[in-house]
Amino acid sequence: QVQPVESGGGLVQPGGSLRLSCAVSGNIFSRNTIAWYRQAPGNQRELVASITSGGSTVYVDSVKGRFNISRDNAKNTVTLQMNSLKHEDTSVFYCVVTVYAPIRNYWGQGTQVTVSS
């Protein structure tokens, strides 16, 4: 079974940076997408960024230019580098792995990111 595990969350000041990591165990095959979602209290779950096995990336408008998603296929890890953090970035961040043989989604437990002075 595929199991993503998030790490790197914590407390950071506005304008600061934080790096989240997602370590994925199990067979995710050659075609896959790994994404970061976030959900703040009272808000809907939101796709933050995603990256395909081919390296194509997608970002929600609110994080473009501030966040960067990357992957290390040899280590089966995905990183979300978050810069210029704002209060509104505060949320639980989830790593989600999508495979296509057949299509299935695997969710991690989440990691808390708090942006506060």
PDB file of N, CA and C in Angstrom:
ATOM      1  N   GLN A   1       0.833  -1.181   0.000  1.00  0.00           N
ATOM      2  CA  GLN A   1       0.000   0.000   0.000  1.00  0.00           C
ATOM      3  C   GLN A   1       0.880   1.247   0.000  1.00  0.00           C
ATOM      4  N   VAL A   2       0.434   2.259  -0.716  1.00  0.00           N
ATOM      5  CA  VAL A   2       1.163   3.510  -0.788  1.00  0.00           C
ATOM      6  C   VAL A   2       0.875   4.321   0.463  1.00  0.00           C
ATOM      7  N   GLN A   3       1.933   4.854   1.054  1.00  0.00           N
ATOM      8  CA  GLN A   3       1.783   5.636   2.276  1.00  0.00           C
ATOM      9  C   GLN A   3       2.659   6.877   2.217  1.00  0.00           C
ATOM     10  N   PRO A   4       2.053   8.057   2.059  1.00  0.00           N
ATOM     11  CA  PRO A   4       2.832   9.291   2.162  1.00  0.00           C
ATOM     12  C   PRO A   4       2.919   9.760   3.605  1.00  0.00           C
ATOM     13  N   VAL A   5       4.075  10.265   3.986  1.00  0.00           N
ATOM     14  CA  VAL A   5       4.295  10.772   5.329  1.00  0.00           C
ATOM     15  C   VAL A   5       4.890  12.167   5.234  1.00  0.00           C
ATOM     16  N   GLU A   6       4.184  13.145   5.795  1.00  0.00           N
ATOM     17  CA  GLU A   6       4.624  14.531   5.754  1.00  0.00           C
ATOM     18  C   GLU A   6       5.506  14.860   6.953  1.00  0.00           C
ATOM     19  N   SER A   7       6.390  15.813   6.755  1.00  0.00           N
ATOM     20  CA  SER A   7       7.211  16.320   7.836  1.00  0.00           C
ATOM     21  C   SER A   7       7.646  17.741   7.503  1.00  0.00           C
ATOM     22  N   GLY A   8       8.120  18.452   8.503  1.00  0.00           N
ATOM     23  CA  GLY A   8       8.662  19.782   8.293  1.00  0.00           C
ATOM     24  C   GLY A   8       7.770  20.928   8.717  1.00  0.00           C
ATOM     25  N   GLY A   9       6.573  20.634   9.159  1.00  0.00           N
ATOM     26  CA  GLY A   9       5.687  21.687   9.607  1.00  0.00           C
ATOM     27  C   GLY A   9       6.165  22.303  10.907  1.00  0.00           C
ATOM     28  N   GLY A  10       5.584  23.439  11.236  1.00  0.00           N
ATOM     29  CA  GLY A  10       5.954  24.115  12.461  1.00  0.00           C
ATOM     30  C   GLY A  10       5.504  25.551  12.461  1.00  0.00           C
ATOM     31  N   LEU A  11       6.081  26.312  13.370  1.00  0.00           N
ATOM     32  CA  LEU A  11       5.762  27.725  13.536  1.00  0.00           C
ATOM     33  C   LEU A  11       6.823  28.573  12.864  1.00  0.00           C
ATOM     34  N   VAL A  12       6.376  29.531  12.077  1.00  0.00           N
ATOM     35  CA  VAL A  12       7.292  30.418  11.376  1.00  0.00           C
ATOM     36  C   VAL A  12       6.716  31.824  11.371  1.00  0.00           C
ATOM     37  N   GLN A  13       7.583  32.823  11.360  1.00  0.00           N
ATOM     38  CA  GLN A  13       7.144  34.210  11.338  1.00  0.00           C
ATOM     39  C   GLN A  13       6.719  34.631   9.941  1.00  0.00           C
ATOM     40  N   PRO A  14       5.827  35.601   9.844  1.00  0.00           N
ATOM     41  CA  PRO A  14       5.480  36.127   8.523  1.00  0.00           C
ATOM     42  C   PRO A  14       6.716  36.586   7.769  1.00  0.00           C
ATOM     43  N   GLY A  15       6.753  36.261   6.493  1.00  0.00           N
ATOM     44  CA  GLY A  15       7.909  36.565   5.677  1.00  0.00           C
ATOM     45  C   GLY A  15       8.984  35.508   5.717  1.00  0.00           C
ATOM     46  N   GLY A  16       8.846  34.565   6.604  1.00  0.00           N
ATOM     47  CA  GLY A  16       9.828  33.508   6.737  1.00  0.00           C
ATOM     48  C   GLY A  16       9.604  32.376   5.755  1.00  0.00           C
ATOM     49  N   SER A  17      10.426  31.355   5.902  1.00  0.00           N
ATOM     50  CA  SER A  17      10.391  30.209   5.001  1.00  0.00           C
ATOM     51  C   SER A  17      10.270  28.919   5.781  1.00  0.00           C
ATOM     52  N   LEU A  18       9.731  27.936   5.112  1.00  0.00           N
ATOM     53  CA  LEU A  18       9.579  26.613   5.685  1.00  0.00           C
ATOM     54  C   LEU A  18       9.605  25.609   4.548  1.00  0.00           C
ATOM     55  N   ARG A  19      10.159  24.455   4.814  1.00  0.00           N
ATOM     56  CA  ARG A  19      10.215  23.423   3.800  1.00  0.00           C
ATOM     57  C   ARG A  19       9.518  22.166   4.300  1.00  0.00           C
ATOM     58  N   LEU A  20       8.537  21.718   3.555  1.00  0.00           N
ATOM     59  CA  LEU A  20       7.820  20.503   3.867  1.00  0.00           C
ATOM     60  C   LEU A  20       8.333  19.360   3.001  1.00  0.00           C
ATOM     61  N   SER A  21       8.362  18.185   3.586  1.00  0.00           N
ATOM     62  CA  SER A  21       8.786  17.006   2.856  1.00  0.00           C
ATOM     63  C   SER A  21       7.706  15.945   2.924  1.00  0.00           C
ATOM     64  N   CYS A  22       7.600  15.189   1.862  1.00  0.00           N
ATOM     65  CA  CYS A  22       6.689  14.064   1.794  1.00  0.00           C
ATOM     66  C   CYS A  22       7.483  12.842   1.372  1.00  0.00           C
ATOM     67  N   ALA A  23       7.593  11.894   2.266  1.00  0.00           N
ATOM     68  CA  ALA A  23       8.258  10.634   1.968  1.00  0.00           C
ATOM     69  C   ALA A  23       7.202   9.599   1.637  1.00  0.00           C
ATOM     70  N   VAL A  24       7.363   8.944   0.509  1.00  0.00           N
ATOM     71  CA  VAL A  24       6.359   8.015   0.015  1.00  0.00           C
ATOM     72  C   VAL A  24       6.918   6.609  -0.003  1.00  0.00           C
ATOM     73  N   SER A  25       6.228   5.704   0.658  1.00  0.00           N
ATOM     74  CA  SER A  25       6.575   4.297   0.619  1.00  0.00           C
ATOM     75  C   SER A  25       5.560   3.546  -0.232  1.00  0.00           C
ATOM     76  N   GLY A  26       5.941   2.371  -0.675  1.00  0.00           N
ATOM     77  CA  GLY A  26       5.071   1.582  -1.518  1.00  0.00           C
ATOM     78  C   GLY A  26       5.330   1.831  -2.990  1.00  0.00           C
ATOM     79  N   ASN A  27       4.644   1.072  -3.805  1.00  0.00           N
ATOM     80  CA  ASN A  27       4.830   1.143  -5.250  1.00  0.00           C
ATOM     81  C   ASN A  27       3.903   2.198  -5.850  1.00  0.00           C
ATOM     82  N   ILE A  28       4.478   3.288  -6.337  1.00  0.00           N
ATOM     83  CA  ILE A  28       3.680   4.345  -6.954  1.00  0.00           C
ATOM     84  C   ILE A  28       3.775   4.311  -8.475  1.00  0.00           C
ATOM     85  N   PHE A  29       4.421   3.274  -8.980  1.00  0.00           N
ATOM     86  CA  PHE A  29       4.539   3.066 -10.421  1.00  0.00           C
ATOM     87  C   PHE A  29       5.282   4.204 -11.112  1.00  0.00           C
ATOM     88  N   SER A  30       5.372   4.121 -12.428  1.00  0.00           N
ATOM     89  CA  SER A  30       6.138   5.109 -13.176  1.00  0.00           C
ATOM     90  C   SER A  30       5.337   6.366 -13.478  1.00  0.00           C
ATOM     91  N   ARG A  31       4.026   6.252 -13.563  1.00  0.00           N
ATOM     92  CA  ARG A  31       3.166   7.404 -13.807  1.00  0.00           C
ATOM     93  C   ARG A  31       2.417   7.758 -12.533  1.00  0.00           C
ATOM     94  N   ASN A  32       2.633   8.957 -12.068  1.00  0.00           N
ATOM     95  CA  ASN A  32       1.994   9.370 -10.829  1.00  0.00           C
ATOM     96  C   ASN A  32       2.019  10.880 -10.702  1.00  0.00           C
ATOM     97  N   THR A  33       1.218  11.384  -9.811  1.00  0.00           N
ATOM     98  CA  THR A  33       1.209  12.792  -9.449  1.00  0.00           C
ATOM     99  C   THR A  33       1.244  12.896  -7.937  1.00  0.00           C
ATOM    100  N   ILE A  34       2.079  13.773  -7.433  1.00  0.00           N
ATOM    101  CA  ILE A  34       2.138  14.013  -6.002  1.00  0.00           C
ATOM    102  C   ILE A  34       1.798  15.476  -5.761  1.00  0.00           C
ATOM    103  N   ALA A  35       0.888  15.701  -4.851  1.00  0.00           N
ATOM    104  CA  ALA A  35       0.354  17.035  -4.641  1.00  0.00           C
ATOM    105  C   ALA A  35       0.351  17.399  -3.165  1.00  0.00           C
ATOM    106  N   TRP A  36       0.346  18.693  -2.909  1.00  0.00           N
ATOM    107  CA  TRP A  36       0.133  19.231  -1.581  1.00  0.00           C
ATOM    108  C   TRP A  36      -1.212  19.942  -1.548  1.00  0.00           C
ATOM    109  N   TYR A  37      -2.027  19.553  -0.603  1.00  0.00           N
ATOM    110  CA  TYR A  37      -3.276  20.235  -0.301  1.00  0.00           C
ATOM    111  C   TYR A  37      -3.154  20.890   1.062  1.00  0.00           C
ATOM    112  N   ARG A  38      -3.999  21.863   1.300  1.00  0.00           N
ATOM    113  CA  ARG A  38      -4.038  22.467   2.625  1.00  0.00           C
ATOM    114  C   ARG A  38      -5.479  22.758   3.016  1.00  0.00           C
ATOM    115  N   GLN A  39      -5.703  22.769   4.307  1.00  0.00           N
ATOM    116  CA  GLN A  39      -7.022  23.073   4.829  1.00  0.00           C
ATOM    117  C   GLN A  39      -6.875  23.822   6.143  1.00  0.00           C
ATOM    118  N   ALA A  40      -7.416  25.015   6.174  1.00  0.00           N
ATOM    119  CA  ALA A  40      -7.427  25.831   7.372  1.00  0.00           C
ATOM    120  C   ALA A  40      -8.802  25.734   8.021  1.00  0.00           C
ATOM    121  N   PRO A  41      -8.894  25.962   9.327  1.00  0.00           N
ATOM    122  CA  PRO A  41     -10.198  25.922   9.996  1.00  0.00           C
ATOM    123  C   PRO A  41     -11.192  26.869   9.341  1.00  0.00           C
ATOM    124  N   GLY A  42     -12.358  26.344   9.010  1.00  0.00           N
ATOM    125  CA  GLY A  42     -13.387  27.137   8.373  1.00  0.00           C
ATOM    126  C   GLY A  42     -13.247  27.272   6.877  1.00  0.00           C
ATOM    127  N   ASN A  43     -12.172  26.762   6.321  1.00  0.00           N
ATOM    128  CA  ASN A  43     -11.936  26.852   4.883  1.00  0.00           C
ATOM    129  C   ASN A  43     -12.086  25.497   4.219  1.00  0.00           C
ATOM    130  N   GLN A  44     -12.305  25.525   2.928  1.00  0.00           N
ATOM    131  CA  GLN A  44     -12.358  24.301   2.152  1.00  0.00           C
ATOM    132  C   GLN A  44     -10.947  23.813   1.850  1.00  0.00           C
ATOM    133  N   ARG A  45     -10.848  22.543   1.595  1.00  0.00           N
ATOM    134  CA  ARG A  45      -9.582  21.968   1.202  1.00  0.00           C
ATOM    135  C   ARG A  45      -9.160  22.532  -0.152  1.00  0.00           C
ATOM    136  N   GLU A  46      -7.886  22.846  -0.294  1.00  0.00           N
ATOM    137  CA  GLU A  46      -7.398  23.549  -1.458  1.00  0.00           C
ATOM    138  C   GLU A  46      -6.133  22.893  -1.987  1.00  0.00           C
ATOM    139  N   LEU A  47      -6.072  22.708  -3.282  1.00  0.00           N
ATOM    140  CA  LEU A  47      -4.834  22.252  -3.910  1.00  0.00           C
ATOM    141  C   LEU A  47      -3.830  23.391  -3.909  1.00  0.00           C
ATOM    142  N   VAL A  48      -2.657  23.138  -3.356  1.00  0.00           N
ATOM    143  CA  VAL A  48      -1.604  24.140  -3.298  1.00  0.00           C
ATOM    144  C   VAL A  48      -0.662  23.997  -4.476  1.00  0.00           C
ATOM    145  N   ALA A  49      -0.160  22.805  -4.679  1.00  0.00           N
ATOM    146  CA  ALA A  49       0.788  22.552  -5.754  1.00  0.00           C
ATOM    147  C   ALA A  49       0.812  21.069  -6.052  1.00  0.00           C
ATOM    148  N   SER A  50       1.168  20.731  -7.267  1.00  0.00           N
ATOM    149  CA  SER A  50       1.307  19.335  -7.645  1.00  0.00           C
ATOM    150  C   SER A  50       2.447  19.186  -8.631  1.00  0.00           C
ATOM    151  N   ILE A  51       2.967  17.989  -8.693  1.00  0.00           N
ATOM    152  CA  ILE A  51       4.040  17.688  -9.627  1.00  0.00           C
ATOM    153  C   ILE A  51       3.840  16.276 -10.150  1.00  0.00           C
ATOM    154  N   THR A  52       3.960  16.113 -11.445  1.00  0.00           N
ATOM    155  CA  THR A  52       3.795  14.812 -12.068  1.00  0.00           C
ATOM    156  C   THR A  52       5.118  14.075 -12.115  1.00  0.00           C
ATOM    157  N   SER A  53       5.034  12.804 -12.481  1.00  0.00           N
ATOM    158  CA  SER A  53       6.249  12.017 -12.640  1.00  0.00           C
ATOM    159  C   SER A  53       7.133  12.567 -13.751  1.00  0.00           C
ATOM    160  N   GLY A  54       6.540  13.310 -14.681  1.00  0.00           N
ATOM    161  CA  GLY A  54       7.298  13.946 -15.736  1.00  0.00           C
ATOM    162  C   GLY A  54       7.860  15.303 -15.377  1.00  0.00           C
ATOM    163  N   GLY A  55       7.522  15.800 -14.190  1.00  0.00           N
ATOM    164  CA  GLY A  55       8.063  17.060 -13.731  1.00  0.00           C
ATOM    165  C   GLY A  55       7.191  18.272 -13.968  1.00  0.00           C
ATOM    166  N   SER A  56       6.012  18.092 -14.523  1.00  0.00           N
ATOM    167  CA  SER A  56       5.111  19.216 -14.735  1.00  0.00           C
ATOM    168  C   SER A  56       4.504  19.660 -13.412  1.00  0.00           C
ATOM    169  N   THR A  57       4.412  20.969 -13.212  1.00  0.00           N
ATOM    170  CA  THR A  57       3.929  21.508 -11.946  1.00  0.00           C
ATOM    171  C   THR A  57       2.712  22.391 -12.134  1.00  0.00           C
ATOM    172  N   VAL A  58       1.911  22.450 -11.091  1.00  0.00           N
ATOM    173  CA  VAL A  58       0.741  23.309 -11.034  1.00  0.00           C
ATOM    174  C   VAL A  58       0.710  23.966  -9.668  1.00  0.00           C
ATOM    175  N   TYR A  59       0.383  25.266  -9.627  1.00  0.00           N
ATOM    176  CA  TYR A  59       0.292  26.000  -8.381  1.00  0.00           C
ATOM    177  C   TYR A  59      -1.015  26.774  -8.328  1.00  0.00           C
ATOM    178  N   VAL A  60      -1.559  26.872  -7.143  1.00  0.00           N
ATOM    179  CA  VAL A  60      -2.676  27.772  -6.952  1.00  0.00           C
ATOM    180  C   VAL A  60      -2.144  29.205  -7.039  1.00  0.00           C
ATOM    181  N   ASP A  61      -2.965  30.114  -7.551  1.00  0.00           N
ATOM    182  CA  ASP A  61      -2.503  31.471  -7.812  1.00  0.00           C
ATOM    183  C   ASP A  61      -1.908  32.149  -6.585  1.00  0.00           C
ATOM    184  N   SER A  62      -2.464  31.892  -5.431  1.00  0.00           N
ATOM    185  CA  SER A  62      -2.050  32.595  -4.233  1.00  0.00           C
ATOM    186  C   SER A  62      -0.632  32.260  -3.777  1.00  0.00           C
ATOM    187  N   VAL A  63      -0.050  31.193  -4.292  1.00  0.00           N
ATOM    188  CA  VAL A  63       1.300  30.813  -3.870  1.00  0.00           C
ATOM    189  C   VAL A  63       2.321  30.924  -4.996  1.00  0.00           C
ATOM    190  N   LYS A  64       1.889  31.281  -6.173  1.00  0.00           N
ATOM    191  CA  LYS A  64       2.815  31.402  -7.292  1.00  0.00           C
ATOM    192  C   LYS A  64       3.885  32.446  -6.992  1.00  0.00           C
ATOM    193  N   GLY A  65       5.120  32.077  -7.253  1.00  0.00           N
ATOM    194  CA  GLY A  65       6.233  32.956  -6.964  1.00  0.00           C
ATOM    195  C   GLY A  65       6.755  32.846  -5.553  1.00  0.00           C
ATOM    196  N   ARG A  66       6.009  32.188  -4.678  1.00  0.00           N
ATOM    197  CA  ARG A  66       6.433  32.025  -3.297  1.00  0.00           C
ATOM    198  C   ARG A  66       6.771  30.581  -2.950  1.00  0.00           C
ATOM    199  N   PHE A  67       6.021  29.652  -3.511  1.00  0.00           N
ATOM    200  CA  PHE A  67       6.212  28.234  -3.221  1.00  0.00           C
ATOM    201  C   PHE A  67       6.834  27.543  -4.418  1.00  0.00           C
ATOM    202  N   ASN A  68       7.570  26.486  -4.147  1.00  0.00           N
ATOM    203  CA  ASN A  68       8.141  25.668  -5.202  1.00  0.00           C
ATOM    204  C   ASN A  68       8.052  24.203  -4.815  1.00  0.00           C
ATOM    205  N   ILE A  69       7.525  23.399  -5.722  1.00  0.00           N
ATOM    206  CA  ILE A  69       7.427  21.972  -5.483  1.00  0.00           C
ATOM    207  C   ILE A  69       8.459  21.252  -6.339  1.00  0.00           C
ATOM    208  N   SER A  70       9.090  20.265  -5.762  1.00  0.00           N
ATOM    209  CA  SER A  70      10.090  19.488  -6.472  1.00  0.00           C
ATOM    210  C   SER A  70      10.034  18.045  -5.991  1.00  0.00           C
ATOM    211  N   ARG A  71      10.686  17.173  -6.724  1.00  0.00           N
ATOM    212  CA  ARG A  71      10.689  15.770  -6.333  1.00  0.00           C
ATOM    213  C   ARG A  71      12.031  15.127  -6.596  1.00  0.00           C
ATOM    214  N   ASP A  72      12.331  14.143  -5.791  1.00  0.00           N
ATOM    215  CA  ASP A  72      13.512  13.325  -5.941  1.00  0.00           C
ATOM    216  C   ASP A  72      13.016  11.908  -6.173  1.00  0.00           C
ATOM    217  N   ASN A  73      12.984  11.503  -7.417  1.00  0.00           N
ATOM    218  CA  ASN A  73      12.410  10.209  -7.762  1.00  0.00           C
ATOM    219  C   ASN A  73      13.203   9.039  -7.188  1.00  0.00           C
ATOM    220  N   ALA A  74      14.503   9.206  -7.067  1.00  0.00           N
ATOM    221  CA  ALA A  74      15.329   8.135  -6.520  1.00  0.00           C
ATOM    222  C   ALA A  74      14.997   7.852  -5.065  1.00  0.00           C
ATOM    223  N   LYS A  75      14.600   8.884  -4.341  1.00  0.00           N
ATOM    224  CA  LYS A  75      14.279   8.736  -2.929  1.00  0.00           C
ATOM    225  C   LYS A  75      12.784   8.695  -2.657  1.00  0.00           C
ATOM    226  N   ASN A  76      11.981   8.842  -3.693  1.00  0.00           N
ATOM    227  CA  ASN A  76      10.521   8.881  -3.544  1.00  0.00           C
ATOM    228  C   ASN A  76      10.088   9.942  -2.533  1.00  0.00           C
ATOM    229  N   THR A  77      10.630  11.123  -2.707  1.00  0.00           N
ATOM    230  CA  THR A  77      10.269  12.232  -1.841  1.00  0.00           C
ATOM    231  C   THR A  77       9.866  13.436  -2.664  1.00  0.00           C
ATOM    232  N   VAL A  78       8.984  14.232  -2.098  1.00  0.00           N
ATOM    233  CA  VAL A  78       8.546  15.480  -2.691  1.00  0.00           C
ATOM    234  C   VAL A  78       8.712  16.582  -1.659  1.00  0.00           C
ATOM    235  N   THR A  79       9.197  17.715  -2.119  1.00  0.00           N
ATOM    236  CA  THR A  79       9.454  18.836  -1.234  1.00  0.00           C
ATOM    237  C   THR A  79       8.623  20.036  -1.652  1.00  0.00           C
ATOM    238  N   LEU A  80       8.088  20.726  -0.681  1.00  0.00           N
ATOM    239  CA  LEU A  80       7.403  21.990  -0.917  1.00  0.00           C
ATOM    240  C   LEU A  80       8.175  23.070  -0.181  1.00  0.00           C
ATOM    241  N   GLN A  81       8.895  23.880  -0.932  1.00  0.00           N
ATOM    242  CA  GLN A  81       9.621  25.001  -0.370  1.00  0.00           C
ATOM    243  C   GLN A  81       8.695  26.209  -0.327  1.00  0.00           C
ATOM    244  N   MET A  82       8.464  26.737   0.857  1.00  0.00           N
ATOM    245  CA  MET A  82       7.540  27.840   1.053  1.00  0.00           C
ATOM    246  C   MET A  82       8.306  29.059   1.530  1.00  0.00           C
ATOM    247  N   ASN A  83       8.240  30.112   0.754  1.00  0.00           N
ATOM    248  CA  ASN A  83       8.913  31.359   1.078  1.00  0.00           C
ATOM    249  C   ASN A  83       7.898  32.484   1.224  1.00  0.00           C
ATOM    250  N   SER A  84       8.335  33.568   1.839  1.00  0.00           N
ATOM    251  CA  SER A  84       7.482  34.739   2.027  1.00  0.00           C
ATOM    252  C   SER A  84       6.124  34.352   2.598  1.00  0.00           C
ATOM    253  N   LEU A  85       6.153  33.580   3.641  1.00  0.00           N
ATOM    254  CA  LEU A  85       4.923  33.047   4.211  1.00  0.00           C
ATOM    255  C   LEU A  85       4.055  34.149   4.813  1.00  0.00           C
ATOM    256  N   LYS A  86       2.758  33.952   4.697  1.00  0.00           N
ATOM    257  CA  LYS A  86       1.765  34.887   5.188  1.00  0.00           C
ATOM    258  C   LYS A  86       0.871  34.209   6.216  1.00  0.00           C
ATOM    259  N   HIS A  87       0.178  35.024   7.001  1.00  0.00           N
ATOM    260  CA  HIS A  87      -0.745  34.478   7.986  1.00  0.00           C
ATOM    261  C   HIS A  87      -1.766  33.558   7.344  1.00  0.00           C
ATOM    262  N   GLU A  88      -2.225  33.913   6.163  1.00  0.00           N
ATOM    263  CA  GLU A  88      -3.249  33.127   5.503  1.00  0.00           C
ATOM    264  C   GLU A  88      -2.756  31.783   4.981  1.00  0.00           C
ATOM    265  N   ASP A  89      -1.450  31.539   5.058  1.00  0.00           N
ATOM    266  CA  ASP A  89      -0.928  30.230   4.706  1.00  0.00           C
ATOM    267  C   ASP A  89      -1.101  29.217   5.829  1.00  0.00           C
ATOM    268  N   THR A  90      -1.474  29.677   6.999  1.00  0.00           N
ATOM    269  CA  THR A  90      -1.647  28.792   8.135  1.00  0.00           C
ATOM    270  C   THR A  90      -2.712  27.744   7.843  1.00  0.00           C
ATOM    271  N   SER A  91      -2.332  26.499   7.961  1.00  0.00           N
ATOM    272  CA  SER A  91      -3.248  25.402   7.679  1.00  0.00           C
ATOM    273  C   SER A  91      -2.542  24.081   7.942  1.00  0.00           C
ATOM    274  N   VAL A  92      -3.302  23.016   7.842  1.00  0.00           N
ATOM    275  CA  VAL A  92      -2.729  21.683   7.816  1.00  0.00           C
ATOM    276  C   VAL A  92      -2.447  21.336   6.361  1.00  0.00           C
ATOM    277  N   PHE A  93      -1.228  20.937   6.092  1.00  0.00           N
ATOM    278  CA  PHE A  93      -0.821  20.576   4.746  1.00  0.00           C
ATOM    279  C   PHE A  93      -0.794  19.060   4.609  1.00  0.00           C
ATOM    280  N   TYR A  94      -1.380  18.580   3.529  1.00  0.00           N
ATOM    281  CA  TYR A  94      -1.462  17.152   3.265  1.00  0.00           C
ATOM    282  C   TYR A  94      -0.744  16.806   1.970  1.00  0.00           C
ATOM    283  N   CYS A  95      -0.040  15.700   1.991  1.00  0.00           N
ATOM    284  CA  CYS A  95       0.567  15.155   0.795  1.00  0.00           C
ATOM    285  C   CYS A  95      -0.353  14.087   0.228  1.00  0.00           C
ATOM    286  N   VAL A  96      -0.584  14.135  -1.073  1.00  0.00           N
ATOM    287  CA  VAL A  96      -1.488  13.198  -1.736  1.00  0.00           C
ATOM    288  C   VAL A  96      -0.795  12.608  -2.952  1.00  0.00           C
ATOM    289  N   VAL A  97      -0.786  11.300  -3.020  1.00  0.00           N
ATOM    290  CA  VAL A  97      -0.192  10.589  -4.144  1.00  0.00           C
ATOM    291  C   VAL A  97      -1.309  10.028  -5.011  1.00  0.00           C
ATOM    292  N   THR A  98      -1.254  10.307  -6.285  1.00  0.00           N
ATOM    293  CA  THR A  98      -2.200   9.764  -7.245  1.00  0.00           C
ATOM    294  C   THR A  98      -1.466   8.836  -8.199  1.00  0.00           C
ATOM    295  N   VAL A  99      -1.972   7.613  -8.316  1.00  0.00           N
ATOM    296  CA  VAL A  99      -1.451   6.671  -9.298  1.00  0.00           C
ATOM    297  C   VAL A  99      -2.538   6.375 -10.304  1.00  0.00           C
ATOM    298  N   TYR A 100      -2.168   5.805 -11.432  1.00  0.00           N
ATOM    299  CA  TYR A 100      -3.092   5.657 -12.554  1.00  0.00           C
ATOM    300  C   TYR A 100      -3.234   4.225 -13.048  1.00  0.00           C
ATOM    301  N   ALA A 101      -2.959   3.276 -12.205  1.00  0.00           N
ATOM    302  CA  ALA A 101      -3.026   1.870 -12.615  1.00  0.00           C
ATOM    303  C   ALA A 101      -3.695   0.988 -11.563  1.00  0.00           C
ATOM    304  N   PRO A 102      -4.989   1.152 -11.331  1.00  0.00           N
ATOM    305  CA  PRO A 102      -5.916   2.175 -11.802  1.00  0.00           C
ATOM    306  C   PRO A 102      -5.746   3.459 -11.013  1.00  0.00           C
ATOM    307  N   ILE A 103      -6.550   4.456 -11.318  1.00  0.00           N
ATOM    308  CA  ILE A 103      -6.420   5.729 -10.627  1.00  0.00           C
ATOM    309  C   ILE A 103      -6.836   5.584  -9.162  1.00  0.00           C
ATOM    310  N   ARG A 104      -5.937   5.983  -8.276  1.00  0.00           N
ATOM    311  CA  ARG A 104      -6.181   5.930  -6.840  1.00  0.00           C
ATOM    312  C   ARG A 104      -5.442   7.070  -6.161  1.00  0.00           C
ATOM    313  N   ASN A 105      -5.986   7.532  -5.065  1.00  0.00           N
ATOM    314  CA  ASN A 105      -5.393   8.604  -4.282  1.00  0.00           C
ATOM    315  C   ASN A 105      -5.032   8.107  -2.892  1.00  0.00           C
ATOM    316  N   TYR A 106      -3.859   8.498  -2.432  1.00  0.00           N
ATOM    317  CA  TYR A 106      -3.397   8.131  -1.101  1.00  0.00           C
ATOM    318  C   TYR A 106      -3.029   9.395  -0.342  1.00  0.00           C
ATOM    319  N   TRP A 107      -3.638   9.564   0.809  1.00  0.00           N
ATOM    320  CA  TRP A 107      -3.466  10.771   1.618  1.00  0.00           C
ATOM    321  C   TRP A 107      -2.585  10.516   2.825  1.00  0.00           C
ATOM    322  N   GLY A 108      -1.739  11.480   3.125  1.00  0.00           N
ATOM    323  CA  GLY A 108      -0.965  11.441   4.345  1.00  0.00           C
ATOM    324  C   GLY A 108      -1.767  11.966   5.520  1.00  0.00           C
ATOM    325  N   GLN A 109      -1.153  11.971   6.689  1.00  0.00           N
ATOM    326  CA  GLN A 109      -1.823  12.405   7.910  1.00  0.00           C
ATOM    327  C   GLN A 109      -1.858  13.916   8.070  1.00  0.00           C
ATOM    328  N   GLY A 110      -0.979  14.612   7.386  1.00  0.00           N
ATOM    329  CA  GLY A 110      -0.938  16.055   7.448  1.00  0.00           C
ATOM    330  C   GLY A 110       0.112  16.572   8.416  1.00  0.00           C
ATOM    331  N   THR A 111       0.540  17.792   8.167  1.00  0.00           N
ATOM    332  CA  THR A 111       1.472  18.468   9.056  1.00  0.00           C
ATOM    333  C   THR A 111       1.036  19.922   9.207  1.00  0.00           C
ATOM    334  N   GLN A 112       1.075  20.413  10.425  1.00  0.00           N
ATOM    335  CA  GLN A 112       0.574  21.749  10.727  1.00  0.00           C
ATOM    336  C   GLN A 112       1.612  22.807  10.400  1.00  0.00           C
ATOM    337  N   VAL A 113       1.175  23.822   9.677  1.00  0.00           N
ATOM    338  CA  VAL A 113       1.991  25.000   9.407  1.00  0.00           C
ATOM    339  C   VAL A 113       1.288  26.207  10.008  1.00  0.00           C
ATOM    340  N   THR A 114       1.986  26.908  10.878  1.00  0.00           N
ATOM    341  CA  THR A 114       1.435  28.090  11.516  1.00  0.00           C
ATOM    342  C   THR A 114       2.342  29.275  11.251  1.00  0.00           C
ATOM    343  N   VAL A 115       1.778  30.322  10.680  1.00  0.00           N
ATOM    344  CA  VAL A 115       2.521  31.543  10.385  1.00  0.00           C
ATOM    345  C   VAL A 115       2.032  32.615  11.348  1.00  0.00           C
ATOM    346  N   SER A 116       2.887  33.015  12.249  1.00  0.00           N
ATOM    347  CA  SER A 116       2.504  33.965  13.283  1.00  0.00           C
ATOM    348  C   SER A 116       3.731  34.675  13.821  1.00  0.00           C
ATOM    349  N   SER A 117       3.540  35.922  14.222  1.00  0.00           N
ATOM    350  CA  SER A 117       4.618  36.684  14.831  1.00  0.00           C
ATOM    351  C   SER A 117       4.623  36.542  16.344  1.00  0.00           C
TER     352      SER A 117
END
